[in-house]
């Protein structure tokens, strides 16, 4: 069974009979002003990928880690990692990115669903702990001190701490990447969120060499296409764009939080790329906004909405008008 995610705009357009061009899609939590794609040389399209093309050097410098593997988006690693362990007891925070629990459960492991505050109470019972940091959708953060304390417990039983850092590029000081490789620590990084390049399906796994070797063998050759490798290397090396983007995202995140609050949708959690709003009327608001051609991400448990960032002033105006239209008189 495939899980549903944000970004299903064509489905929403068909359901509500509104042309795709009229929609404001805030459902994904992806930077709407992503890295500008450079001109891709013709030769890049003509050759099979090669490891000495500069991508790994760029990634090692950006992540401050020498032990890493390029994968077809962190989703590829999420699906494959459970297949590298014998059956284990795996702790996962709820709510969080649902593909983690889905992959471990599908592989036959025992899942323990935890709140972020309950990890310390259960860490002794776990073989693996999976964190999304910052979490999606709650936006809660786990400190380095917490992560290392949990890793210390897991290391004593040859366990794993898997940290999905898909949204951490906005707050790089929170990342554990510079500490890798460490025994039992596996870090997932994505190009899709901060860089806004979800469509190229690129990511990295940072871990010990033996785990990377097993994962590489399982995923097979040419995990990333040549054009993907070229664009990813350019994005990872562009420090000027990265710095300017972090400042812009900070401004836009604060603007979105204030706008939602003005219409009684006070964010429960916040990152630079999305705002999460718990409200008992989430399903109704999601549907009302869809009728205004604004697509949000709806969560059943807890009843909540995630709002990504508008890309430009026209989109900010669209969102403001939609919120006004559904606001109680």
C-alpha atoms as a PDB file:
ATOM      1  CA  UNK A   1       0.000   0.000   0.000  1.00  0.00           C
ATOM      2  CA  UNK A   2       1.352   3.418  -0.980  1.00  0.00           C
ATOM      3  CA  UNK A   3       1.038   6.206   1.589  1.00  0.00           C
ATOM      4  CA  UNK A   4      -0.383   9.573   0.622  1.00  0.00           C
ATOM      5  CA  UNK A   5       1.825  12.669   0.777  1.00  0.00           C
ATOM      6  CA  UNK A   6       1.587  16.354   0.046  1.00  0.00           C
ATOM      7  CA  UNK A   7       1.985  17.547  -3.521  1.00  0.00           C
ATOM      8  CA  UNK A   8      -1.002  15.650  -5.006  1.00  0.00           C
ATOM      9  CA  UNK A   9      -2.146  18.804  -6.761  1.00  0.00           C
ATOM     10  CA  UNK A  10      -3.527  17.122  -9.880  1.00  0.00           C
ATOM     11  CA  UNK A  11      -5.779  14.972  -7.706  1.00  0.00           C
ATOM     12  CA  UNK A  12      -7.067  18.030  -5.833  1.00  0.00           C
ATOM     13  CA  UNK A  13      -7.646  19.954  -9.058  1.00  0.00           C
ATOM     14  CA  UNK A  14      -9.710  17.111 -10.474  1.00  0.00           C
ATOM     15  CA  UNK A  15     -11.729  16.686  -7.272  1.00  0.00           C
ATOM     16  CA  UNK A  16     -12.653  20.362  -7.010  1.00  0.00           C
ATOM     17  CA  UNK A  17     -12.870  21.034 -10.750  1.00  0.00           C
ATOM     18  CA  UNK A  18     -10.429  23.950 -10.547  1.00  0.00           C
ATOM     19  CA  UNK A  19      -7.686  24.255 -13.211  1.00  0.00           C
ATOM     20  CA  UNK A  20      -4.214  23.360 -11.953  1.00  0.00           C
ATOM     21  CA  UNK A  21      -2.911  26.783 -13.004  1.00  0.00           C
ATOM     22  CA  UNK A  22      -5.276  28.476 -10.527  1.00  0.00           C
ATOM     23  CA  UNK A  23      -4.020  26.616  -7.436  1.00  0.00           C
ATOM     24  CA  UNK A  24      -1.696  27.690  -4.644  1.00  0.00           C
ATOM     25  CA  UNK A  25       0.006  24.466  -3.495  1.00  0.00           C
ATOM     26  CA  UNK A  26       1.208  24.777   0.111  1.00  0.00           C
ATOM     27  CA  UNK A  27       1.023  21.063   0.832  1.00  0.00           C
ATOM     28  CA  UNK A  28       4.650  19.963   0.541  1.00  0.00           C
ATOM     29  CA  UNK A  29       6.952  21.940   2.863  1.00  0.00           C
ATOM     30  CA  UNK A  30       9.389  22.388  -0.034  1.00  0.00           C
ATOM     31  CA  UNK A  31      11.182  25.698  -0.626  1.00  0.00           C
ATOM     32  CA  UNK A  32       9.031  27.272  -3.380  1.00  0.00           C
ATOM     33  CA  UNK A  33      11.980  29.355  -4.582  1.00  0.00           C
ATOM     34  CA  UNK A  34      14.431  26.542  -5.026  1.00  0.00           C
ATOM     35  CA  UNK A  35      17.955  26.505  -6.346  1.00  0.00           C
ATOM     36  CA  UNK A  36      18.088  27.947  -9.893  1.00  0.00           C
ATOM     37  CA  UNK A  37      19.009  25.110 -12.240  1.00  0.00           C
ATOM     38  CA  UNK A  38      22.238  25.919 -14.114  1.00  0.00           C
ATOM     39  CA  UNK A  39      22.711  25.086 -17.781  1.00  0.00           C
ATOM     40  CA  UNK A  40      23.488  21.386 -17.983  1.00  0.00           C
ATOM     41  CA  UNK A  41      26.275  20.624 -20.491  1.00  0.00           C
ATOM     42  CA  UNK A  42      25.235  18.346 -23.349  1.00  0.00           C
ATOM     43  CA  UNK A  43      27.907  15.799 -22.414  1.00  0.00           C
ATOM     44  CA  UNK A  44      26.206  15.239 -19.035  1.00  0.00           C
ATOM     45  CA  UNK A  45      23.218  13.715 -20.835  1.00  0.00           C
ATOM     46  CA  UNK A  46      25.352  11.393 -22.948  1.00  0.00           C
ATOM     47  CA  UNK A  47      27.359   9.470 -20.358  1.00  0.00           C
ATOM     48  CA  UNK A  48      26.608   7.078 -17.519  1.00  0.00           C
ATOM     49  CA  UNK A  49      27.273   8.507 -14.024  1.00  0.00           C
ATOM     50  CA  UNK A  50      30.820   8.293 -12.662  1.00  0.00           C
ATOM     51  CA  UNK A  51      31.862   8.591  -9.028  1.00  0.00           C
ATOM     52  CA  UNK A  52      34.775  10.933  -9.812  1.00  0.00           C
ATOM     53  CA  UNK A  53      32.553  13.709 -11.196  1.00  0.00           C
ATOM     54  CA  UNK A  54      32.937  15.970  -8.144  1.00  0.00           C
ATOM     55  CA  UNK A  55      29.572  15.248  -6.497  1.00  0.00           C
ATOM     56  CA  UNK A  56      30.979  13.272  -3.570  1.00  0.00           C
ATOM     57  CA  UNK A  57      33.668  15.908  -2.938  1.00  0.00           C
ATOM     58  CA  UNK A  58      30.991  18.625  -2.886  1.00  0.00           C
ATOM     59  CA  UNK A  59      28.795  16.592  -0.530  1.00  0.00           C
ATOM     60  CA  UNK A  60      31.679  15.764   1.815  1.00  0.00           C
ATOM     61  CA  UNK A  61      32.515  19.451   2.082  1.00  0.00           C
ATOM     62  CA  UNK A  62      28.887  20.573   2.569  1.00  0.00           C
ATOM     63  CA  UNK A  63      28.057  17.916   5.175  1.00  0.00           C
ATOM     64  CA  UNK A  64      31.540  17.994   6.788  1.00  0.00           C
ATOM     65  CA  UNK A  65      31.620  14.207   6.561  1.00  0.00           C
ATOM     66  CA  UNK A  66      33.817  11.890   4.479  1.00  0.00           C
ATOM     67  CA  UNK A  67      31.707   8.738   4.878  1.00  0.00           C
ATOM     68  CA  UNK A  68      28.602   9.153   2.758  1.00  0.00           C
ATOM     69  CA  UNK A  69      26.629   7.629  -0.114  1.00  0.00           C
ATOM     70  CA  UNK A  70      24.528   9.375  -2.758  1.00  0.00           C
ATOM     71  CA  UNK A  71      21.030   7.887  -3.081  1.00  0.00           C
ATOM     72  CA  UNK A  72      17.906   8.586  -5.114  1.00  0.00           C
ATOM     73  CA  UNK A  73      16.364  10.789  -2.453  1.00  0.00           C
ATOM     74  CA  UNK A  74      16.369   9.890   1.227  1.00  0.00           C
ATOM     75  CA  UNK A  75      13.213   7.859   0.477  1.00  0.00           C
ATOM     76  CA  UNK A  76      15.398   5.216  -1.185  1.00  0.00           C
ATOM     77  CA  UNK A  77      17.361   4.781   2.039  1.00  0.00           C
ATOM     78  CA  UNK A  78      14.209   4.822   4.180  1.00  0.00           C
ATOM     79  CA  UNK A  79      12.884   1.839   2.238  1.00  0.00           C
ATOM     80  CA  UNK A  80      16.189  -0.053   2.159  1.00  0.00           C
ATOM     81  CA  UNK A  81      17.638   0.342   5.665  1.00  0.00           C
ATOM     82  CA  UNK A  82      15.102  -1.959   7.408  1.00  0.00           C
ATOM     83  CA  UNK A  83      16.256  -4.747   5.103  1.00  0.00           C
ATOM     84  CA  UNK A  84      19.820  -4.513   6.445  1.00  0.00           C
ATOM     85  CA  UNK A  85      18.943  -5.565  10.013  1.00  0.00           C
ATOM     86  CA  UNK A  86      17.652  -8.710  11.656  1.00  0.00           C
ATOM     87  CA  UNK A  87      14.213  -8.288  13.188  1.00  0.00           C
ATOM     88  CA  UNK A  88      14.399  -5.515  15.761  1.00  0.00           C
ATOM     89  CA  UNK A  89      12.342  -3.356  18.105  1.00  0.00           C
ATOM     90  CA  UNK A  90      12.192   0.072  16.491  1.00  0.00           C
ATOM     91  CA  UNK A  91      11.045   3.270  18.190  1.00  0.00           C
ATOM     92  CA  UNK A  92       9.451   5.985  16.070  1.00  0.00           C
ATOM     93  CA  UNK A  93       8.052   9.335  17.134  1.00  0.00           C
ATOM     94  CA  UNK A  94       4.405  10.017  16.287  1.00  0.00           C
ATOM     95  CA  UNK A  95       3.288  12.003  14.471  1.00  0.00           C
ATOM     96  CA  UNK A  96       6.165  12.022  12.006  1.00  0.00           C
ATOM     97  CA  UNK A  97       7.043  11.201   8.406  1.00  0.00           C
ATOM     98  CA  UNK A  98       4.924   8.084   7.931  1.00  0.00           C
ATOM     99  CA  UNK A  99       7.226   6.330   5.436  1.00  0.00           C
ATOM    100  CA  UNK A 100       9.660   5.425   8.221  1.00  0.00           C
ATOM    101  CA  UNK A 101       7.137   3.388  10.208  1.00  0.00           C
ATOM    102  CA  UNK A 102       5.693   1.946   6.990  1.00  0.00           C
ATOM    103  CA  UNK A 103       9.107   0.671   5.820  1.00  0.00           C
ATOM    104  CA  UNK A 104      10.120  -0.888   9.146  1.00  0.00           C
ATOM    105  CA  UNK A 105       6.726  -2.511   9.636  1.00  0.00           C
ATOM    106  CA  UNK A 106       6.697  -3.854   6.094  1.00  0.00           C
ATOM    107  CA  UNK A 107      10.079  -5.509   6.738  1.00  0.00           C
ATOM    108  CA  UNK A 108       8.646  -7.321   9.775  1.00  0.00           C
ATOM    109  CA  UNK A 109      10.174  -5.302  12.609  1.00  0.00           C
ATOM    110  CA  UNK A 110       8.301  -4.492  15.824  1.00  0.00           C
ATOM    111  CA  UNK A 111       7.242  -0.839  15.947  1.00  0.00           C
ATOM    112  CA  UNK A 112       6.996   1.160  19.178  1.00  0.00           C
ATOM    113  CA  UNK A 113       5.174   4.458  18.679  1.00  0.00           C
ATOM    114  CA  UNK A 114       6.465   7.173  21.001  1.00  0.00           C
ATOM    115  CA  UNK A 115       5.833  10.790  21.820  1.00  0.00           C
ATOM    116  CA  UNK A 116       8.920  12.975  21.690  1.00  0.00           C
ATOM    117  CA  UNK A 117       8.820  13.296  25.480  1.00  0.00           C
ATOM    118  CA  UNK A 118       8.716   9.536  26.094  1.00  0.00           C
ATOM    119  CA  UNK A 119      11.924   8.473  24.353  1.00  0.00           C
ATOM    120  CA  UNK A 120      13.982   8.428  27.552  1.00  0.00           C
ATOM    121  CA  UNK A 121      11.430   6.104  29.166  1.00  0.00           C
ATOM    122  CA  UNK A 122      11.666   3.512  26.379  1.00  0.00           C
ATOM    123  CA  UNK A 123      15.187   3.789  24.924  1.00  0.00           C
ATOM    124  CA  UNK A 124      16.415   0.757  26.932  1.00  0.00           C
ATOM    125  CA  UNK A 125      13.787  -1.420  25.224  1.00  0.00           C
ATOM    126  CA  UNK A 126      14.731  -0.410  21.672  1.00  0.00           C
ATOM    127  CA  UNK A 127      17.187  -1.811  19.142  1.00  0.00           C
ATOM    128  CA  UNK A 128      16.739   1.166  16.834  1.00  0.00           C
ATOM    129  CA  UNK A 129      15.412   4.693  17.215  1.00  0.00           C
ATOM    130  CA  UNK A 130      14.282   6.710  14.186  1.00  0.00           C
ATOM    131  CA  UNK A 131      14.056  10.494  14.498  1.00  0.00           C
ATOM    132  CA  UNK A 132      13.124  13.205  12.016  1.00  0.00           C
ATOM    133  CA  UNK A 133      14.957  16.334  13.146  1.00  0.00           C
ATOM    134  CA  UNK A 134      13.338  18.852  12.936  1.00  0.00           C
ATOM    135  CA  UNK A 135      10.273  16.648  12.990  1.00  0.00           C
ATOM    136  CA  UNK A 136       7.682  16.664  10.227  1.00  0.00           C
ATOM    137  CA  UNK A 137       4.986  17.835  10.815  1.00  0.00           C
ATOM    138  CA  UNK A 138       5.314  18.819  14.504  1.00  0.00           C
ATOM    139  CA  UNK A 139       8.592  20.755  13.967  1.00  0.00           C
ATOM    140  CA  UNK A 140       9.940  19.640  17.352  1.00  0.00           C
ATOM    141  CA  UNK A 141      13.727  19.531  17.573  1.00  0.00           C
ATOM    142  CA  UNK A 142      16.095  17.094  19.248  1.00  0.00           C
ATOM    143  CA  UNK A 143      19.322  18.483  20.679  1.00  0.00           C
ATOM    144  CA  UNK A 144      22.724  16.995  20.023  1.00  0.00           C
ATOM    145  CA  UNK A 145      22.966  16.109  23.704  1.00  0.00           C
ATOM    146  CA  UNK A 146      19.730  14.115  23.547  1.00  0.00           C
ATOM    147  CA  UNK A 147      20.759  12.305  20.382  1.00  0.00           C
ATOM    148  CA  UNK A 148      24.175  11.326  21.711  1.00  0.00           C
ATOM    149  CA  UNK A 149      22.669  10.093  24.969  1.00  0.00           C
ATOM    150  CA  UNK A 150      20.266   7.839  23.061  1.00  0.00           C
ATOM    151  CA  UNK A 151      23.026   6.712  20.704  1.00  0.00           C
ATOM    152  CA  UNK A 152      25.163   5.720  23.691  1.00  0.00           C
ATOM    153  CA  UNK A 153      22.417   3.389  24.938  1.00  0.00           C
ATOM    154  CA  UNK A 154      21.829   1.887  21.493  1.00  0.00           C
ATOM    155  CA  UNK A 155      25.527   1.317  20.807  1.00  0.00           C
ATOM    156  CA  UNK A 156      25.732  -1.086  23.748  1.00  0.00           C
ATOM    157  CA  UNK A 157      23.379  -3.485  21.934  1.00  0.00           C
ATOM    158  CA  UNK A 158      24.697  -2.857  18.388  1.00  0.00           C
ATOM    159  CA  UNK A 159      21.625  -0.751  17.744  1.00  0.00           C
ATOM    160  CA  UNK A 160      21.048   2.129  15.362  1.00  0.00           C
ATOM    161  CA  UNK A 161      20.081   5.750  15.762  1.00  0.00           C
ATOM    162  CA  UNK A 162      18.672   6.913  12.432  1.00  0.00           C
ATOM    163  CA  UNK A 163      18.272  10.680  12.128  1.00  0.00           C
ATOM    164  CA  UNK A 164      16.362  11.983   9.108  1.00  0.00           C
ATOM    165  CA  UNK A 165      17.655  15.544   8.671  1.00  0.00           C
ATOM    166  CA  UNK A 166      15.534  16.410   5.609  1.00  0.00           C
ATOM    167  CA  UNK A 167      14.601  19.843   7.021  1.00  0.00           C
ATOM    168  CA  UNK A 168      17.825  20.617   8.882  1.00  0.00           C
ATOM    169  CA  UNK A 169      19.561  22.673   6.164  1.00  0.00           C
ATOM    170  CA  UNK A 170      17.654  25.694   7.478  1.00  0.00           C
ATOM    171  CA  UNK A 171      19.224  25.165  10.929  1.00  0.00           C
ATOM    172  CA  UNK A 172      22.572  23.483  10.133  1.00  0.00           C
ATOM    173  CA  UNK A 173      23.852  24.024  13.661  1.00  0.00           C
ATOM    174  CA  UNK A 174      21.431  21.304  14.785  1.00  0.00           C
ATOM    175  CA  UNK A 175      22.909  18.669  12.453  1.00  0.00           C
ATOM    176  CA  UNK A 176      24.948  15.666  13.553  1.00  0.00           C
ATOM    177  CA  UNK A 177      26.595  15.291  10.144  1.00  0.00           C
ATOM    178  CA  UNK A 178      29.971  16.657  11.206  1.00  0.00           C
ATOM    179  CA  UNK A 179      30.200  13.920  13.871  1.00  0.00           C
ATOM    180  CA  UNK A 180      29.687  11.026  11.451  1.00  0.00           C
ATOM    181  CA  UNK A 181      30.724   8.307  11.052  1.00  0.00           C
ATOM    182  CA  UNK A 182      29.981   6.962  14.513  1.00  0.00           C
ATOM    183  CA  UNK A 183      29.113   3.404  15.445  1.00  0.00           C
ATOM    184  CA  UNK A 184      25.362   2.936  14.981  1.00  0.00           C
ATOM    185  CA  UNK A 185      24.639   6.480  13.759  1.00  0.00           C
ATOM    186  CA  UNK A 186      22.908   6.806  10.382  1.00  0.00           C
ATOM    187  CA  UNK A 187      22.018  10.253   9.041  1.00  0.00           C
ATOM    188  CA  UNK A 188      19.748  10.911   6.071  1.00  0.00           C
ATOM    189  CA  UNK A 189      20.042  14.172   4.129  1.00  0.00           C
ATOM    190  CA  UNK A 190      17.813  15.465   1.346  1.00  0.00           C
ATOM    191  CA  UNK A 191      18.215  17.908  -1.533  1.00  0.00           C
ATOM    192  CA  UNK A 192      14.455  18.230  -1.926  1.00  0.00           C
ATOM    193  CA  UNK A 193      13.414  20.572   0.906  1.00  0.00           C
ATOM    194  CA  UNK A 194      15.780  23.503   1.503  1.00  0.00           C
ATOM    195  CA  UNK A 195      17.153  23.425  -2.047  1.00  0.00           C
ATOM    196  CA  UNK A 196      13.644  22.995  -3.476  1.00  0.00           C
ATOM    197  CA  UNK A 197      14.838  20.241  -5.814  1.00  0.00           C
ATOM    198  CA  UNK A 198      12.432  17.428  -4.920  1.00  0.00           C
ATOM    199  CA  UNK A 199      11.975  16.548  -8.574  1.00  0.00           C
ATOM    200  CA  UNK A 200      15.567  15.448  -9.121  1.00  0.00           C
ATOM    201  CA  UNK A 201      15.326  12.784  -6.352  1.00  0.00           C
ATOM    202  CA  UNK A 202      18.709  13.230  -4.673  1.00  0.00           C
ATOM    203  CA  UNK A 203      19.874  12.609  -1.125  1.00  0.00           C
ATOM    204  CA  UNK A 204      22.722  11.228   0.953  1.00  0.00           C
ATOM    205  CA  UNK A 205      23.269   8.681   3.706  1.00  0.00           C
ATOM    206  CA  UNK A 206      26.021   9.394   6.233  1.00  0.00           C
ATOM    207  CA  UNK A 207      27.156   6.313   8.157  1.00  0.00           C
ATOM    208  CA  UNK A 208      29.944   3.833   8.806  1.00  0.00           C
ATOM    209  CA  UNK A 209      31.589   2.334   5.741  1.00  0.00           C
ATOM    210  CA  UNK A 210      30.170  -1.173   6.224  1.00  0.00           C
ATOM    211  CA  UNK A 211      26.575   0.120   6.347  1.00  0.00           C
ATOM    212  CA  UNK A 212      27.152   2.235   3.250  1.00  0.00           C
ATOM    213  CA  UNK A 213      28.635  -0.750   1.416  1.00  0.00           C
ATOM    214  CA  UNK A 214      25.608  -2.912   2.224  1.00  0.00           C
ATOM    215  CA  UNK A 215      23.234  -0.136   1.216  1.00  0.00           C
ATOM    216  CA  UNK A 216      25.117   0.550  -2.015  1.00  0.00           C
ATOM    217  CA  UNK A 217      24.967  -3.127  -2.966  1.00  0.00           C
ATOM    218  CA  UNK A 218      21.253  -3.300  -2.205  1.00  0.00           C
ATOM    219  CA  UNK A 219      20.386  -0.160  -4.219  1.00  0.00           C
ATOM    220  CA  UNK A 220      22.562  -1.071  -7.202  1.00  0.00           C
ATOM    221  CA  UNK A 221      24.571   1.025  -9.666  1.00  0.00           C
ATOM    222  CA  UNK A 222      23.745   4.508 -10.997  1.00  0.00           C
ATOM    223  CA  UNK A 223      21.377   5.501  -8.193  1.00  0.00           C
ATOM    224  CA  UNK A 224      21.523   9.113  -9.408  1.00  0.00           C
ATOM    225  CA  UNK A 225      21.341  10.193 -13.030  1.00  0.00           C
ATOM    226  CA  UNK A 226      24.138  12.297 -14.474  1.00  0.00           C
ATOM    227  CA  UNK A 227      21.992  15.486 -14.692  1.00  0.00           C
ATOM    228  CA  UNK A 228      20.919  14.987 -11.080  1.00  0.00           C
ATOM    229  CA  UNK A 229      24.522  14.620  -9.957  1.00  0.00           C
ATOM    230  CA  UNK A 230      25.541  17.762 -11.867  1.00  0.00           C
ATOM    231  CA  UNK A 231      22.772  19.962 -10.450  1.00  0.00           C
ATOM    232  CA  UNK A 232      23.207  18.603  -6.920  1.00  0.00           C
ATOM    233  CA  UNK A 233      26.944  19.326  -6.940  1.00  0.00           C
ATOM    234  CA  UNK A 234      26.286  22.892  -8.103  1.00  0.00           C
ATOM    235  CA  UNK A 235      23.691  23.460  -5.368  1.00  0.00           C
ATOM    236  CA  UNK A 236      25.890  22.078  -2.588  1.00  0.00           C
ATOM    237  CA  UNK A 237      28.763  24.370  -3.576  1.00  0.00           C
ATOM    238  CA  UNK A 238      26.777  27.614  -3.898  1.00  0.00           C
ATOM    239  CA  UNK A 239      27.386  29.175  -0.474  1.00  0.00           C
ATOM    240  CA  UNK A 240      26.078  32.592  -1.529  1.00  0.00           C
ATOM    241  CA  UNK A 241      22.697  31.181  -2.558  1.00  0.00           C
ATOM    242  CA  UNK A 242      22.494  29.085   0.618  1.00  0.00           C
ATOM    243  CA  UNK A 243      23.148  32.048   2.916  1.00  0.00           C
ATOM    244  CA  UNK A 244      20.699  34.346   1.149  1.00  0.00           C
ATOM    245  CA  UNK A 245      18.047  31.641   1.087  1.00  0.00           C
ATOM    246  CA  UNK A 246      18.251  31.020   4.830  1.00  0.00           C
ATOM    247  CA  UNK A 247      17.662  34.718   5.507  1.00  0.00           C
ATOM    248  CA  UNK A 248      14.729  34.881   3.094  1.00  0.00           C
ATOM    249  CA  UNK A 249      13.139  31.740   4.507  1.00  0.00           C
ATOM    250  CA  UNK A 250      13.393  33.189   8.015  1.00  0.00           C
ATOM    251  CA  UNK A 251      11.449  36.275   6.917  1.00  0.00           C
ATOM    252  CA  UNK A 252       8.860  34.258   5.011  1.00  0.00           C
ATOM    253  CA  UNK A 253       8.355  31.798   7.875  1.00  0.00           C
ATOM    254  CA  UNK A 254       7.670  34.611  10.332  1.00  0.00           C
ATOM    255  CA  UNK A 255       5.316  36.267   7.840  1.00  0.00           C
ATOM    256  CA  UNK A 256       3.344  33.057   7.386  1.00  0.00           C
ATOM    257  CA  UNK A 257       3.075  32.466  11.143  1.00  0.00           C
ATOM    258  CA  UNK A 258       1.741  35.984  11.656  1.00  0.00           C
ATOM    259  CA  UNK A 259      -0.732  35.699   8.773  1.00  0.00           C
ATOM    260  CA  UNK A 260      -2.164  32.407  10.028  1.00  0.00           C
ATOM    261  CA  UNK A 261      -2.405  33.785  13.561  1.00  0.00           C
ATOM    262  CA  UNK A 262      -4.370  36.773  12.270  1.00  0.00           C
ATOM    263  CA  UNK A 263      -7.053  34.309  11.147  1.00  0.00           C
ATOM    264  CA  UNK A 264      -7.150  32.252  14.378  1.00  0.00           C
ATOM    265  CA  UNK A 265      -4.832  29.561  13.010  1.00  0.00           C
ATOM    266  CA  UNK A 266      -2.038  29.891  15.544  1.00  0.00           C
ATOM    267  CA  UNK A 267       0.870  27.604  14.581  1.00  0.00           C
ATOM    268  CA  UNK A 268       1.531  24.724  16.959  1.00  0.00           C
ATOM    269  CA  UNK A 269       4.965  24.050  15.468  1.00  0.00           C
ATOM    270  CA  UNK A 270       7.192  25.954  13.071  1.00  0.00           C
ATOM    271  CA  UNK A 271      10.210  25.477  10.809  1.00  0.00           C
ATOM    272  CA  UNK A 272      11.527  27.867   8.169  1.00  0.00           C
ATOM    273  CA  UNK A 273       9.706  25.806   5.520  1.00  0.00           C
ATOM    274  CA  UNK A 274       6.285  25.162   7.051  1.00  0.00           C
ATOM    275  CA  UNK A 275       3.828  25.969   9.826  1.00  0.00           C
ATOM    276  CA  UNK A 276       1.845  23.236  11.579  1.00  0.00           C
ATOM    277  CA  UNK A 277      -1.569  24.049  13.014  1.00  0.00           C
ATOM    278  CA  UNK A 278      -3.484  21.695  15.295  1.00  0.00           C
ATOM    279  CA  UNK A 279      -7.207  22.439  15.168  1.00  0.00           C
ATOM    280  CA  UNK A 280     -10.285  20.285  15.641  1.00  0.00           C
ATOM    281  CA  UNK A 281     -11.683  21.889  12.464  1.00  0.00           C
ATOM    282  CA  UNK A 282      -8.688  20.845  10.327  1.00  0.00           C
ATOM    283  CA  UNK A 283     -10.695  18.733   7.867  1.00  0.00           C
ATOM    284  CA  UNK A 284     -13.285  21.475   7.354  1.00  0.00           C
ATOM    285  CA  UNK A 285     -10.665  24.208   6.923  1.00  0.00           C
ATOM    286  CA  UNK A 286      -8.686  22.026   4.508  1.00  0.00           C
ATOM    287  CA  UNK A 287     -11.796  21.578   2.365  1.00  0.00           C
ATOM    288  CA  UNK A 288     -12.822  25.250   2.543  1.00  0.00           C
ATOM    289  CA  UNK A 289      -9.348  26.381   1.508  1.00  0.00           C
ATOM    290  CA  UNK A 290      -9.374  23.856  -1.341  1.00  0.00           C
ATOM    291  CA  UNK A 291     -12.559  25.498  -2.617  1.00  0.00           C
ATOM    292  CA  UNK A 292     -10.478  28.702  -2.737  1.00  0.00           C
ATOM    293  CA  UNK A 293      -7.775  26.817  -4.698  1.00  0.00           C
ATOM    294  CA  UNK A 294      -5.373  26.670  -1.750  1.00  0.00           C
ATOM    295  CA  UNK A 295      -4.015  23.175  -1.151  1.00  0.00           C
ATOM    296  CA  UNK A 296      -2.772  22.370   2.369  1.00  0.00           C
ATOM    297  CA  UNK A 297      -1.589  19.116   3.944  1.00  0.00           C
ATOM    298  CA  UNK A 298      -4.246  17.558   6.170  1.00  0.00           C
ATOM    299  CA  UNK A 299      -3.387  15.154   9.010  1.00  0.00           C
ATOM    300  CA  UNK A 300      -5.993  12.991  10.706  1.00  0.00           C
ATOM    301  CA  UNK A 301      -4.147  12.317  13.988  1.00  0.00           C
ATOM    302  CA  UNK A 302      -3.896  14.776  15.487  1.00  0.00           C
ATOM    303  CA  UNK A 303      -6.359  16.791  13.422  1.00  0.00           C
ATOM    304  CA  UNK A 304      -4.062  19.384  11.913  1.00  0.00           C
ATOM    305  CA  UNK A 305      -2.899  21.256   8.828  1.00  0.00           C
ATOM    306  CA  UNK A 306       0.570  21.963   7.477  1.00  0.00           C
ATOM    307  CA  UNK A 307       1.101  25.155   5.488  1.00  0.00           C
ATOM    308  CA  UNK A 308       4.115  25.566   3.231  1.00  0.00           C
ATOM    309  CA  UNK A 309       5.420  28.930   2.030  1.00  0.00           C
ATOM    310  CA  UNK A 310       3.977  31.032  -0.802  1.00  0.00           C
ATOM    311  CA  UNK A 311       6.562  31.752  -3.487  1.00  0.00           C
ATOM    312  CA  UNK A 312       5.800  35.384  -4.356  1.00  0.00           C
ATOM    313  CA  UNK A 313       3.516  38.338  -3.634  1.00  0.00           C
ATOM    314  CA  UNK A 314       0.773  37.044  -5.910  1.00  0.00           C
ATOM    315  CA  UNK A 315       0.684  33.820  -3.889  1.00  0.00           C
ATOM    316  CA  UNK A 316       0.701  35.700  -0.576  1.00  0.00           C
ATOM    317  CA  UNK A 317      -2.287  37.689  -1.839  1.00  0.00           C
ATOM    318  CA  UNK A 318      -4.037  34.466  -2.899  1.00  0.00           C
ATOM    319  CA  UNK A 319      -3.546  32.922   0.554  1.00  0.00           C
ATOM    320  CA  UNK A 320      -4.674  36.081   2.346  1.00  0.00           C
ATOM    321  CA  UNK A 321      -7.818  36.308   0.204  1.00  0.00           C
ATOM    322  CA  UNK A 322      -8.609  32.637   0.831  1.00  0.00           C
ATOM    323  CA  UNK A 323      -8.208  33.023   4.591  1.00  0.00           C
ATOM    324  CA  UNK A 324     -10.469  36.062   4.516  1.00  0.00           C
ATOM    325  CA  UNK A 325     -13.078  34.164   2.524  1.00  0.00           C
ATOM    326  CA  UNK A 326     -13.295  31.285   5.012  1.00  0.00           C
ATOM    327  CA  UNK A 327     -12.922  33.378   8.159  1.00  0.00           C
ATOM    328  CA  UNK A 328     -16.015  33.552  10.388  1.00  0.00           C
ATOM    329  CA  UNK A 329     -17.803  36.869  10.020  1.00  0.00           C
END
